[in-house]
Every structure is written in structure tokens, then in C-alpha cells.
C-alpha atoms as a PDB file:
ATOM      1  CA  MET A   1       0.020  -0.218   0.117  1.00  0.00           C
ATOM      2  CA  LYS A   2       1.300   3.323  -0.771  1.00  0.00           C
ATOM      3  CA  ILE A   3       2.456   5.702   2.130  1.00  0.00           C
ATOM      4  CA  GLN A   4      -0.338   7.632   3.581  1.00  0.00           C
ATOM      5  CA  ALA A   5      -0.181  10.843   5.748  1.00  0.00           C
ATOM      6  CA  ASP A   6      -0.606   8.865   9.215  1.00  0.00           C
ATOM      7  CA  CYS A   7       2.543   6.774   7.821  1.00  0.00           C
ATOM      8  CA  ILE A   8       4.813   9.720   8.180  1.00  0.00           C
ATOM      9  CA  PRO A   9       4.863  10.551  11.894  1.00  0.00           C
ATOM     10  CA  CYS A  10       4.884   6.878  12.702  1.00  0.00           C
ATOM     11  CA  VAL A  11       7.850   6.372  10.600  1.00  0.00           C
ATOM     12  CA  LEU A  12       9.522   9.642  11.817  1.00  0.00           C
ATOM     13  CA  THR A  13       8.629   8.267  15.515  1.00  0.00           C
ATOM     14  CA  MET A  14      10.343   4.804  14.875  1.00  0.00           C
ATOM     15  CA  THR A  15      13.353   6.131  13.385  1.00  0.00           C
ATOM     16  CA  LEU A  16      13.821   8.714  16.188  1.00  0.00           C
ATOM     17  CA  LYS A  17      13.876   5.850  18.696  1.00  0.00           C
ATOM     18  CA  ALA A  18      15.939   3.875  16.298  1.00  0.00           C
ATOM     19  CA  VAL A  19      18.540   6.722  15.946  1.00  0.00           C
ATOM     20  CA  GLN A  20      18.344   7.217  19.697  1.00  0.00           C
ATOM     21  CA  ASN A  21      19.832   3.862  20.520  1.00  0.00           C
ATOM     22  CA  LEU A  22      22.786   4.502  18.359  1.00  0.00           C
ATOM     23  CA  SER A  23      24.310   6.797  21.106  1.00  0.00           C
ATOM     24  CA  LEU A  24      25.502   9.368  18.466  1.00  0.00           C
ATOM     25  CA  THR A  25      26.705  12.599  19.636  1.00  0.00           C
ATOM     26  CA  PRO A  26      24.032  15.294  19.398  1.00  0.00           C
ATOM     27  CA  GLY A  27      25.847  17.082  16.420  1.00  0.00           C
ATOM     28  CA  ALA A  28      25.966  13.664  14.538  1.00  0.00           C
ATOM     29  CA  GLU A  29      22.109  12.760  15.549  1.00  0.00           C
ATOM     30  CA  LYS A  30      21.178  16.181  13.844  1.00  0.00           C
ATOM     31  CA  ASP A  31      23.059  15.857  10.435  1.00  0.00           C
ATOM     32  CA  LEU A  32      21.595  12.364  10.212  1.00  0.00           C
ATOM     33  CA  PHE A  33      18.058  13.431  10.860  1.00  0.00           C
ATOM     34  CA  THR A  34      18.813  16.146   8.520  1.00  0.00           C
ATOM     35  CA  GLU A  35      19.349  13.715   5.665  1.00  0.00           C
ATOM     36  CA  ILE A  36      16.178  11.531   6.536  1.00  0.00           C
ATOM     37  CA  MET A  37      14.129  14.658   6.445  1.00  0.00           C
ATOM     38  CA  LYS A  38      15.159  15.117   2.846  1.00  0.00           C
ATOM     39  CA  ILE A  39      13.560  12.007   1.869  1.00  0.00           C
ATOM     40  CA  PRO A  40      10.567  13.150  -0.259  1.00  0.00           C
ATOM     41  CA  GLY A  41       7.911  10.243   1.046  1.00  0.00           C
ATOM     42  CA  LEU A  42       8.485  11.943   4.580  1.00  0.00           C
ATOM     43  CA  ARG A  43       7.885  15.723   3.266  1.00  0.00           C
ATOM     44  CA  GLY A  44       4.465  14.871   1.413  1.00  0.00           C
ATOM     45  CA  LEU A  45       6.273  15.238  -1.771  1.00  0.00           C
ATOM     46  CA  ASP A  46       5.995  11.702  -3.013  1.00  0.00           C
ATOM     47  CA  TRP A  47       2.851   9.818  -2.500  1.00  0.00           C
ATOM     48  CA  ASP A  48       3.778   6.753  -4.948  1.00  0.00           C
ATOM     49  CA  GLN A  49       6.212   5.232  -2.378  1.00  0.00           C
ATOM     50  CA  THR A  50       5.369   2.573   0.058  1.00  0.00           C
ATOM     51  CA  SER A  51       6.253   2.733   3.514  1.00  0.00           C
ATOM     52  CA  PRO A  52       8.746  -0.134   3.598  1.00  0.00           C
ATOM     53  CA  ALA A  53      10.220   1.534   0.599  1.00  0.00           C
ATOM     54  CA  VAL A  54      10.818   4.711   2.640  1.00  0.00           C
ATOM     55  CA  ILE A  55      11.836   3.067   5.708  1.00  0.00           C
ATOM     56  CA  GLU A  56      14.558   1.221   3.268  1.00  0.00           C
ATOM     57  CA  THR A  57      15.931   4.639   2.114  1.00  0.00           C
ATOM     58  CA  VAL A  58      16.275   5.516   5.788  1.00  0.00           C
ATOM     59  CA  MET A  59      17.843   2.501   6.738  1.00  0.00           C
ATOM     60  CA  ASN A  60      20.217   3.081   4.092  1.00  0.00           C
ATOM     61  CA  ILE A  61      20.745   6.732   5.083  1.00  0.00           C
ATOM     62  CA  ILE A  62      21.910   5.356   8.723  1.00  0.00           C
ATOM     63  CA  MET A  63      23.759   2.790   7.497  1.00  0.00           C
ATOM     64  CA  GLU A  64      26.063   5.125   5.025  1.00  0.00           C
ATOM     65  CA  LYS A  65      26.098   7.715   7.744  1.00  0.00           C
ATOM     66  CA  VAL A  66      27.363   5.308  10.548  1.00  0.00           C
ATOM     67  CA  HIS A  67      29.481   3.098   8.151  1.00  0.00           C
ATOM     68  CA  ASP A  68      27.972  -0.113   9.783  1.00  0.00           C
ATOM     69  CA  PRO A  69      25.937  -2.625   7.553  1.00  0.00           C
ATOM     70  CA  ASP A  70      24.004  -3.585  10.675  1.00  0.00           C
ATOM     71  CA  PRO A  71      24.228  -0.609  12.974  1.00  0.00           C
ATOM     72  CA  PHE A  72      21.091  -1.941  15.162  1.00  0.00           C
ATOM     73  CA  ARG A  73      22.937  -5.167  15.996  1.00  0.00           C
ATOM     74  CA  ARG A  74      23.562  -4.250  19.710  1.00  0.00           C
ATOM     75  CA  GLU A  75      19.912  -3.509  20.555  1.00  0.00           C
ATOM     76  CA  LYS A  76      19.071  -7.119  18.835  1.00  0.00           C
ATOM     77  CA  ILE A  77      21.327  -8.858  21.015  1.00  0.00           C
ATOM     78  CA  GLN A  78      20.173  -7.008  24.183  1.00  0.00           C
ATOM     79  CA  LEU A  79      16.394  -7.654  22.945  1.00  0.00           C
ATOM     80  CA  ASN A  80      17.346 -11.536  22.338  1.00  0.00           C
ATOM     81  CA  THR A  81      19.077 -11.806  25.503  1.00  0.00           C
ATOM     82  CA  GLN A  82      16.363 -10.185  27.589  1.00  0.00           C
ATOM     83  CA  ALA A  83      13.578 -12.589  26.025  1.00  0.00           C
ATOM     84  CA  LEU A  84      15.788 -15.725  26.235  1.00  0.00           C
ATOM     85  CA  ALA A  85      16.333 -14.752  29.882  1.00  0.00           C
ATOM     86  CA  LEU A  86      12.556 -15.085  30.639  1.00  0.00           C
ATOM     87  CA  LEU A  87      12.046 -17.812  28.385  1.00  0.00           C
ATOM     88  CA  PRO A  88      11.979 -20.406  31.204  1.00  0.00           C
ATOM     89  CA  VAL A  89       9.473 -18.577  33.420  1.00  0.00           C
ATOM     90  CA  LEU A  90       7.240 -18.283  30.162  1.00  0.00           C
ATOM     91  CA  GLU A  91       7.656 -22.037  29.490  1.00  0.00           C
ATOM     92  CA  LYS A  92       6.553 -22.944  33.045  1.00  0.00           C
ATOM     93  CA  MET A  93       3.394 -20.612  32.597  1.00  0.00           C
ATOM     94  CA  VAL A  94       2.503 -22.635  29.350  1.00  0.00           C
ATOM     95  CA  ASP A  95       3.219 -26.141  30.516  1.00  0.00           C
ATOM     96  CA  ALA A  96       0.843 -25.140  33.743  1.00  0.00           C
ATOM     97  CA  SER A  97      -1.643 -23.774  31.689  1.00  0.00           C
ATOM     98  CA  VAL A  98      -5.056 -25.820  31.135  1.00  0.00           C
ATOM     99  CA  GLU A  99      -4.714 -24.853  27.552  1.00  0.00           C
ATOM    100  CA  PRO A 100      -0.996 -24.287  26.729  1.00  0.00           C
ATOM    101  CA  LEU A 101      -1.395 -23.353  22.829  1.00  0.00           C
ATOM    102  CA  TYR A 102      -3.800 -20.729  24.063  1.00  0.00           C
ATOM    103  CA  THR A 103      -1.789 -19.483  26.762  1.00  0.00           C
ATOM    104  CA  ALA A 104       1.561 -19.366  24.193  1.00  0.00           C
ATOM    105  CA  ALA A 105      -0.590 -17.465  21.497  1.00  0.00           C
ATOM    106  CA  LYS A 106      -1.293 -14.713  24.025  1.00  0.00           C
ATOM    107  CA  ILE A 107       2.469 -14.582  25.020  1.00  0.00           C
ATOM    108  CA  ALA A 108       3.547 -14.385  21.219  1.00  0.00           C
ATOM    109  CA  ILE A 109       1.081 -11.513  20.787  1.00  0.00           C
ATOM    110  CA  LEU A 110       2.038  -9.648  23.904  1.00  0.00           C
ATOM    111  CA  GLY A 111       5.868 -10.013  22.735  1.00  0.00           C
ATOM    112  CA  ASN A 112       5.128  -7.511  20.402  1.00  0.00           C
ATOM    113  CA  SER A 113       5.210  -5.225  23.415  1.00  0.00           C
ATOM    114  CA  MET A 114       8.902  -5.868  23.978  1.00  0.00           C
ATOM    115  CA  ASP A 115      10.146  -2.785  22.390  1.00  0.00           C
ATOM    116  CA  ILE A 116       7.916  -0.680  24.435  1.00  0.00           C
ATOM    117  CA  MET A 117       9.139  -2.292  27.718  1.00  0.00           C
ATOM    118  CA  MET A 118      12.819  -2.445  27.194  1.00  0.00           C
ATOM    119  CA  PRO A 119      13.543   0.758  28.697  1.00  0.00           C
ATOM    120  CA  GLU A 120      11.841  -0.900  31.921  1.00  0.00           C
ATOM    121  CA  GLY A 121      13.921  -3.816  31.926  1.00  0.00           C
ATOM    122  CA  LEU A 122      13.268  -7.556  32.445  1.00  0.00           C
ATOM    123  CA  SER A 123      11.372  -7.432  35.479  1.00  0.00           C
ATOM    124  CA  SER A 124       8.742  -4.877  34.257  1.00  0.00           C
ATOM    125  CA  LEU A 125       8.122  -7.107  31.061  1.00  0.00           C
ATOM    126  CA  GLU A 126       7.773 -10.230  33.123  1.00  0.00           C
ATOM    127  CA  LYS A 127       5.209  -8.236  35.354  1.00  0.00           C
ATOM    128  CA  PHE A 128       3.610  -6.708  31.899  1.00  0.00           C
ATOM    129  CA  ILE A 129       3.062 -10.383  30.599  1.00  0.00           C
ATOM    130  CA  ARG A 130       1.450 -11.804  34.105  1.00  0.00           C
ATOM    131  CA  GLU A 131      -1.055  -9.085  34.037  1.00  0.00           C
ATOM    132  CA  LYS A 132      -1.965  -9.127  30.527  1.00  0.00           C
ATOM    133  CA  LEU A 133      -2.406 -12.845  30.305  1.00  0.00           C
ATOM    134  CA  GLU A 134      -5.570 -12.517  32.482  1.00  0.00           C
ATOM    135  CA  ALA A 135      -7.176 -10.440  29.549  1.00  0.00           C
ATOM    136  CA  PRO A 136      -8.690 -13.407  27.106  1.00  0.00           C
ATOM    137  CA  LEU A 137      -7.983 -13.962  23.583  1.00  0.00           C
ATOM    138  CA  PRO A 138     -11.110 -13.953  21.418  1.00  0.00           C
ATOM    139  CA  ARG A 139     -12.262 -17.540  21.113  1.00  0.00           C
ATOM    140  CA  GLU A 140     -13.817 -16.284  17.540  1.00  0.00           C
ATOM    141  CA  ALA A 141     -10.001 -15.891  16.355  1.00  0.00           C
ATOM    142  CA  PHE A 142      -8.470 -18.575  18.001  1.00  0.00           C
ATOM    143  CA  ASP A 143     -10.826 -21.557  17.807  1.00  0.00           C
ATOM    144  CA  PRO A 144     -10.779 -21.292  13.983  1.00  0.00           C
ATOM    145  CA  PHE A 145      -7.103 -21.147  13.845  1.00  0.00           C
ATOM    146  CA  CYS A 146      -6.800 -24.434  15.979  1.00  0.00           C
ATOM    147  CA  ARG A 147      -9.358 -26.200  13.564  1.00  0.00           C
ATOM    148  CA  GLN A 148      -7.311 -24.954  10.289  1.00  0.00           C
ATOM    149  CA  MET A 149      -4.243 -26.345  12.397  1.00  0.00           C
ATOM    150  CA  SER A 150      -5.712 -29.922  12.900  1.00  0.00           C
ATOM    151  CA  LYS A 151      -5.944 -30.035   8.739  1.00  0.00           C
ATOM    152  CA  ALA A 152      -2.450 -28.308   8.040  1.00  0.00           C
ATOM    153  CA  ARG A 153       0.621 -29.796   7.377  1.00  0.00           C
ATOM    154  CA  GLN A 154       2.894 -27.099   6.559  1.00  0.00           C
ATOM    155  CA  ILE A 155       3.141 -23.570   8.252  1.00  0.00           C
ATOM    156  CA  LEU A 156       4.979 -20.525   7.209  1.00  0.00           C
ATOM    157  CA  TYR A 157       5.593 -18.205   9.992  1.00  0.00           C
ATOM    158  CA  LEU A 158       6.445 -14.589   9.478  1.00  0.00           C
ATOM    159  CA  THR A 159       8.474 -12.920  12.064  1.00  0.00           C
ATOM    160  CA  ASP A 160       9.211  -9.366  12.918  1.00  0.00           C
ATOM    161  CA  ASN A 161      11.495  -8.115  15.626  1.00  0.00           C
ATOM    162  CA  ALA A 162      14.504  -9.454  17.645  1.00  0.00           C
ATOM    163  CA  GLY A 163      13.610 -10.722  20.890  1.00  0.00           C
ATOM    164  CA  GLU A 164       9.951 -11.185  20.350  1.00  0.00           C
ATOM    165  CA  ILE A 165      10.953 -14.091  18.361  1.00  0.00           C
ATOM    166  CA  VAL A 166      11.844 -15.946  21.458  1.00  0.00           C
ATOM    167  CA  PHE A 167       8.254 -15.702  22.183  1.00  0.00           C
ATOM    168  CA  ASP A 168       7.409 -16.704  18.624  1.00  0.00           C
ATOM    169  CA  ARG A 169       9.745 -19.771  19.584  1.00  0.00           C
ATOM    170  CA  LEU A 170       7.686 -20.679  22.164  1.00  0.00           C
ATOM    171  CA  PHE A 171       4.379 -20.384  20.410  1.00  0.00           C
ATOM    172  CA  ILE A 172       5.817 -22.783  17.611  1.00  0.00           C
ATOM    173  CA  GLN A 173       7.198 -25.506  19.880  1.00  0.00           C
ATOM    174  CA  THR A 174       3.920 -25.624  21.777  1.00  0.00           C
ATOM    175  CA  LEU A 175       1.810 -25.815  18.509  1.00  0.00           C
ATOM    176  CA  LYS A 176       4.032 -28.815  17.239  1.00  0.00           C
ATOM    177  CA  LYS A 177       3.468 -30.249  20.589  1.00  0.00           C
ATOM    178  CA  GLN A 178      -0.406 -30.378  19.872  1.00  0.00           C
ATOM    179  CA  TYR A 179      -0.370 -30.666  15.873  1.00  0.00           C
ATOM    180  CA  ASP A 180       1.759 -32.384  13.585  1.00  0.00           C
ATOM    181  CA  VAL A 181       3.052 -29.699  11.421  1.00  0.00           C
ATOM    182  CA  ALA A 182       6.282 -28.680   9.989  1.00  0.00           C
ATOM    183  CA  VAL A 183       7.250 -24.937  10.606  1.00  0.00           C
ATOM    184  CA  THR A 184       9.410 -22.446   8.347  1.00  0.00           C
ATOM    185  CA  VAL A 185      10.252 -19.338   9.770  1.00  0.00           C
ATOM    186  CA  VAL A 186      10.855 -16.402   7.584  1.00  0.00           C
ATOM    187  CA  VAL A 187      13.076 -13.431   8.706  1.00  0.00           C
ATOM    188  CA  ARG A 188      14.559 -10.631   7.193  1.00  0.00           C
ATOM    189  CA  SER A 189      17.191 -11.282   4.515  1.00  0.00           C
ATOM    190  CA  LEU A 190      19.209  -7.948   5.400  1.00  0.00           C
ATOM    191  CA  PRO A 191      19.387  -5.954   8.369  1.00  0.00           C
ATOM    192  CA  THR A 192      16.323  -3.541   8.907  1.00  0.00           C
ATOM    193  CA  LEU A 193      15.891  -1.422  12.300  1.00  0.00           C
ATOM    194  CA  ASN A 194      15.772  -4.269  14.656  1.00  0.00           C
ATOM    195  CA  ASP A 195      14.116  -6.638  12.755  1.00  0.00           C
ATOM    196  CA  ALA A 196      15.443 -10.153  13.156  1.00  0.00           C
ATOM    197  CA  THR A 197      17.674 -11.668  10.576  1.00  0.00           C
ATOM    198  CA  LEU A 198      18.856 -15.271   9.974  1.00  0.00           C
ATOM    199  CA  LYS A 199      21.604 -14.597  12.721  1.00  0.00           C
ATOM    200  CA  GLU A 200      18.951 -13.229  15.460  1.00  0.00           C
ATOM    201  CA  ALA A 201      16.720 -16.347  14.731  1.00  0.00           C
ATOM    202  CA  ARG A 202      19.403 -18.706  15.303  1.00  0.00           C
ATOM    203  CA  GLU A 203      20.518 -17.010  18.629  1.00  0.00           C
ATOM    204  CA  ALA A 204      16.970 -17.080  19.876  1.00  0.00           C
ATOM    205  CA  GLY A 205      16.908 -20.621  19.150  1.00  0.00           C
ATOM    206  CA  LEU A 206      14.184 -20.770  16.254  1.00  0.00           C
ATOM    207  CA  ASP A 207      16.297 -23.158  14.508  1.00  0.00           C
ATOM    208  CA  GLN A 208      15.365 -25.793  17.040  1.00  0.00           C
ATOM    209  CA  VAL A 209      11.952 -25.604  16.374  1.00  0.00           C
ATOM    210  CA  ALA A 210      11.527 -24.714  12.972  1.00  0.00           C
ATOM    211  CA  THR A 211      13.350 -24.758   9.400  1.00  0.00           C
END
């Protein structure tokens, strides 16, 4: 889909957060944003671009300016490390659940909040998950999914960020305990912000539960 007006502040906010994690000097940070703000798609001058295309341009500018093909590698390592430290606790939650896959699905969904919780640390993330697990996952979404799984043989699973892929790992291993399915996981082929690549996927142990 082509970029919309409300995509612009979203991309800029995401970019600001990402750039702040690079620990640049104030001057270097301003210079970087000066270049990013020249992108026509972020200035309302090119509405034929898609958001992913604009983000790709942003990423290319960042890599060129900091001379690093994977500038957010340190953040991705930190995200995976935090999530892996929490994994044993989450596995116990799932194993103790009356409906393990239902609980694992909720945890995988909550994993998307990991970016938000990172500044608060691991204890806040665990507390957040425990509190939010009390909220139900709509059965009208989950039950049809289970019916489809009972007939499926191969699953294609698309991932997003480092860190939350550990929660995906938990979901996939729980899914495979319940259903006889082969799972193939898809990651980014090249570094893009804190999205998971094959490197982060292996570090998160996804290769232990999927292709």
C-alpha cells in the first residue's frame, strides 16, 4: 500500500527511537536527521512510495552515515538476551496452563510489546506479561485457527523484531506438541532496524523448533 499521511509521523517516530539507540553525539544525530528529512516520502512530496520503501531509504542513509551494515545489531542482541532470560519462566506458565497453546498464543502476541518495555527492564516485562495474560484472547479468532491447524501439514511463519522472536519460538514449539505440522520461519534477508535476520533467529533458538 502506498504511503498515507498518518504513516509519516509513525515512520519518523520509529526512526527517532532507532537513531537514539545508536548513541551518536547530538551533532551527528542532527546531521543524520537532516539527511533523513530530505526523503520526499517523509515530506509529502512523493505519495507513490510505500512505507517499506521509505523505511529502506531511511535504513540506507543510517548505514551510510554510521558506516555500519547492521547498526542496530547491539540492540538486537540485547532484545534477544532479555527475552531468552525470561523464556524458562514463560515455558513454565505454558506448561502449567489448562490450554497451553492458548496461553502461548497470548504470550506471542504480548511479545510485540517488548520494544516498549525494554527501557523498563526484564522485571517490568515479566510483570507486564503476567498482568496482560489475564485478558482473554477472542475465541472467535483462536478456535478457527485450531481447526485449521488440525488439517494443516506445513506452516509459513513470518517474524518481526529480535526479542519477540523468542516468544514466537515458544509458540511454535507449543504448536508442534499439539499438531503434526512442519514450520518454516521467515526472517529479513538483510538488516532493517531491529527486525530479526537469520543471525538473530538462530541466536533465539528458532532453528531448534523450525526450518
